[in-house]
């Protein structure tokens, strides 16, 4: 585990999104990082296609409360 410094504005957006999605701020940031990494690896897939592929592969959602 490490510490990642992010912009205050991005941290605030993660805080807002985490409240809506019932995730911790860290879990929200981790979710965004994972989706971003997968989007870069598969640029032709939509967000919904990436999430569906992760579910089909049996990967647990990153939404677990931390």
N, C-alpha and C. Protein backbone atom coordinates (compact mmCIF):
# COMPACT_ATOMS: atom_id res chain seq x y z
N UNK A 1 0.85 -1.16 0.00
CA UNK A 1 0.00 0.00 0.00
C UNK A 1 0.90 1.22 0.00
N UNK A 2 0.45 2.27 -0.66
CA UNK A 2 1.23 3.48 -0.73
C UNK A 2 0.36 4.70 -0.58
N UNK A 3 0.99 5.83 -0.60
CA UNK A 3 0.27 7.10 -0.51
C UNK A 3 0.35 7.77 -1.87
N UNK A 4 -0.79 8.24 -2.36
CA UNK A 4 -0.85 8.94 -3.63
C UNK A 4 -1.35 10.35 -3.37
N UNK A 5 -0.58 11.34 -3.80
CA UNK A 5 -1.00 12.73 -3.64
C UNK A 5 -1.80 13.12 -4.87
N UNK A 6 -3.00 13.62 -4.64
CA UNK A 6 -3.84 14.07 -5.75
C UNK A 6 -4.27 15.51 -5.51
N UNK A 7 -4.67 16.14 -6.59
CA UNK A 7 -5.15 17.52 -6.54
C UNK A 7 -6.36 17.63 -5.61
N UNK A 8 -6.46 18.74 -4.91
CA UNK A 8 -7.59 18.95 -3.99
C UNK A 8 -8.93 18.87 -4.69
N UNK A 9 -9.00 19.39 -5.90
CA UNK A 9 -10.27 19.34 -6.66
C UNK A 9 -10.67 17.93 -7.00
N UNK A 10 -9.70 17.12 -7.39
CA UNK A 10 -9.99 15.72 -7.71
C UNK A 10 -10.39 14.96 -6.45
N UNK A 11 -9.74 15.28 -5.33
CA UNK A 11 -10.11 14.65 -4.07
C UNK A 11 -11.56 14.98 -3.71
N UNK A 12 -11.95 16.22 -3.92
CA UNK A 12 -13.34 16.63 -3.63
C UNK A 12 -14.32 15.89 -4.54
N UNK A 13 -13.96 15.71 -5.82
CA UNK A 13 -14.83 14.95 -6.73
C UNK A 13 -14.94 13.49 -6.29
N UNK A 14 -13.84 12.92 -5.83
CA UNK A 14 -13.87 11.55 -5.32
C UNK A 14 -14.73 11.46 -4.07
N UNK A 15 -14.64 12.47 -3.21
CA UNK A 15 -15.47 12.49 -2.00
C UNK A 15 -16.95 12.51 -2.36
N UNK A 16 -17.32 13.37 -3.31
CA UNK A 16 -18.74 13.47 -3.73
C UNK A 16 -19.21 12.15 -4.35
N UNK A 17 -18.40 11.62 -5.26
CA UNK A 17 -18.77 10.37 -5.93
C UNK A 17 -18.85 9.21 -4.94
N UNK A 18 -17.95 9.19 -3.96
CA UNK A 18 -17.96 8.10 -2.99
C UNK A 18 -19.23 8.10 -2.16
N UNK A 19 -19.75 9.29 -1.87
CA UNK A 19 -20.99 9.37 -1.10
C UNK A 19 -22.16 8.83 -1.91
N UNK A 20 -22.21 9.16 -3.18
CA UNK A 20 -23.29 8.69 -4.05
C UNK A 20 -23.21 7.19 -4.27
N UNK A 21 -21.99 6.67 -4.43
CA UNK A 21 -21.80 5.26 -4.74
C UNK A 21 -21.64 4.38 -3.50
N UNK A 22 -21.75 4.97 -2.31
CA UNK A 22 -21.63 4.22 -1.05
C UNK A 22 -20.29 3.49 -0.96
N UNK A 23 -19.23 4.21 -1.32
CA UNK A 23 -17.87 3.69 -1.23
C UNK A 23 -17.07 4.63 -0.35
N UNK A 24 -15.97 4.14 0.18
CA UNK A 24 -15.04 5.05 0.85
C UNK A 24 -14.36 5.89 -0.23
N UNK A 25 -13.75 6.98 0.17
CA UNK A 25 -13.02 7.81 -0.80
C UNK A 25 -11.91 6.99 -1.44
N UNK A 26 -11.21 6.20 -0.64
CA UNK A 26 -10.14 5.36 -1.19
C UNK A 26 -10.68 4.34 -2.19
N UNK A 27 -11.81 3.72 -1.87
CA UNK A 27 -12.39 2.74 -2.79
C UNK A 27 -12.84 3.41 -4.08
N UNK A 28 -13.35 4.63 -3.99
CA UNK A 28 -13.77 5.36 -5.19
C UNK A 28 -12.56 5.66 -6.07
N UNK A 29 -11.48 6.14 -5.45
CA UNK A 29 -10.27 6.44 -6.21
C UNK A 29 -9.71 5.17 -6.84
N UNK A 30 -9.72 4.07 -6.10
CA UNK A 30 -9.23 2.80 -6.63
C UNK A 30 -10.09 2.35 -7.81
N UNK A 31 -11.39 2.50 -7.70
CA UNK A 31 -12.30 2.14 -8.79
C UNK A 31 -11.98 2.96 -10.04
N UNK A 32 -11.83 4.28 -9.87
CA UNK A 32 -11.50 5.13 -11.02
C UNK A 32 -10.16 4.74 -11.63
N UNK A 33 -9.18 4.42 -10.80
CA UNK A 33 -7.86 4.02 -11.33
C UNK A 33 -7.96 2.72 -12.11
N UNK A 34 -8.70 1.76 -11.58
CA UNK A 34 -8.84 0.47 -12.25
C UNK A 34 -9.56 0.65 -13.58
N UNK A 35 -10.65 1.39 -13.60
CA UNK A 35 -11.40 1.61 -14.83
C UNK A 35 -10.54 2.37 -15.83
N UNK A 36 -9.80 3.37 -15.37
CA UNK A 36 -8.91 4.11 -16.26
C UNK A 36 -7.83 3.24 -16.86
N UNK A 37 -7.24 2.37 -16.05
CA UNK A 37 -6.22 1.45 -16.52
C UNK A 37 -6.79 0.51 -17.59
N UNK A 38 -7.99 -0.03 -17.32
CA UNK A 38 -8.63 -0.92 -18.29
C UNK A 38 -9.04 -0.17 -19.56
N UNK A 39 -9.47 1.08 -19.42
CA UNK A 39 -9.86 1.88 -20.59
C UNK A 39 -8.64 2.16 -21.48
N UNK A 40 -7.49 2.42 -20.86
CA UNK A 40 -6.27 2.62 -21.65
C UNK A 40 -5.85 1.33 -22.35
N UNK A 41 -6.03 0.21 -21.70
CA UNK A 41 -5.65 -1.08 -22.28
C UNK A 41 -6.62 -1.52 -23.37
N UNK A 42 -7.87 -1.04 -23.29
CA UNK A 42 -8.92 -1.45 -24.24
C UNK A 42 -9.67 -0.20 -24.72
N UNK A 43 -9.04 0.65 -25.53
CA UNK A 43 -9.61 1.94 -25.88
C UNK A 43 -10.90 1.89 -26.70
N UNK A 44 -11.23 0.75 -27.27
CA UNK A 44 -12.46 0.67 -28.05
C UNK A 44 -13.68 0.30 -27.21
N UNK A 45 -13.46 -0.08 -25.95
CA UNK A 45 -14.57 -0.48 -25.09
C UNK A 45 -15.16 0.72 -24.34
N UNK A 46 -16.47 0.70 -24.17
CA UNK A 46 -17.14 1.72 -23.37
C UNK A 46 -17.01 1.38 -21.89
N UNK A 47 -17.34 2.32 -21.05
CA UNK A 47 -17.34 2.07 -19.60
C UNK A 47 -18.22 0.87 -19.28
N UNK A 48 -19.44 0.84 -19.84
CA UNK A 48 -20.35 -0.27 -19.56
C UNK A 48 -19.78 -1.60 -20.02
N UNK A 49 -19.09 -1.61 -21.17
CA UNK A 49 -18.49 -2.84 -21.66
C UNK A 49 -17.35 -3.30 -20.75
N UNK A 50 -16.58 -2.36 -20.24
CA UNK A 50 -15.49 -2.70 -19.32
C UNK A 50 -16.05 -3.32 -18.05
N UNK A 51 -17.07 -2.70 -17.48
CA UNK A 51 -17.68 -3.22 -16.25
C UNK A 51 -18.30 -4.59 -16.50
N UNK A 52 -19.00 -4.75 -17.63
CA UNK A 52 -19.61 -6.05 -17.96
C UNK A 52 -18.55 -7.13 -18.12
N UNK A 53 -17.44 -6.79 -18.76
CA UNK A 53 -16.35 -7.77 -18.95
C UNK A 53 -15.75 -8.17 -17.61
N UNK A 54 -15.59 -7.21 -16.70
CA UNK A 54 -15.05 -7.52 -15.38
C UNK A 54 -15.99 -8.42 -14.60
N UNK A 55 -17.29 -8.15 -14.70
CA UNK A 55 -18.27 -9.01 -14.01
C UNK A 55 -18.27 -10.40 -14.61
N UNK A 56 -18.24 -10.48 -15.95
CA UNK A 56 -18.25 -11.79 -16.63
C UNK A 56 -17.01 -12.60 -16.27
N UNK A 57 -15.89 -11.91 -16.05
CA UNK A 57 -14.65 -12.60 -15.69
C UNK A 57 -14.64 -13.01 -14.22
N UNK A 58 -15.67 -12.60 -13.49
CA UNK A 58 -15.77 -12.98 -12.08
C UNK A 58 -14.98 -12.11 -11.14
N UNK A 59 -14.56 -10.93 -11.61
CA UNK A 59 -13.81 -10.02 -10.75
C UNK A 59 -14.77 -9.32 -9.81
N UNK A 60 -14.41 -9.28 -8.55
CA UNK A 60 -15.24 -8.61 -7.56
C UNK A 60 -15.18 -7.11 -7.82
N UNK A 61 -16.29 -6.42 -7.60
CA UNK A 61 -16.26 -4.97 -7.76
C UNK A 61 -15.29 -4.33 -6.78
N UNK A 62 -14.74 -3.22 -7.15
CA UNK A 62 -13.80 -2.50 -6.30
C UNK A 62 -14.57 -1.70 -5.26
N UNK A 63 -15.88 -1.80 -5.26
CA UNK A 63 -16.74 -0.98 -4.43
C UNK A 63 -16.74 -1.36 -2.96
N UNK A 64 -16.03 -2.38 -2.58
CA UNK A 64 -16.03 -2.81 -1.18
C UNK A 64 -15.58 -1.67 -0.27
N UNK A 65 -16.27 -1.52 0.82
CA UNK A 65 -15.93 -0.45 1.76
C UNK A 65 -14.56 -0.71 2.38
N UNK A 66 -13.78 0.36 2.46
CA UNK A 66 -12.45 0.21 3.05
C UNK A 66 -12.44 0.76 4.45
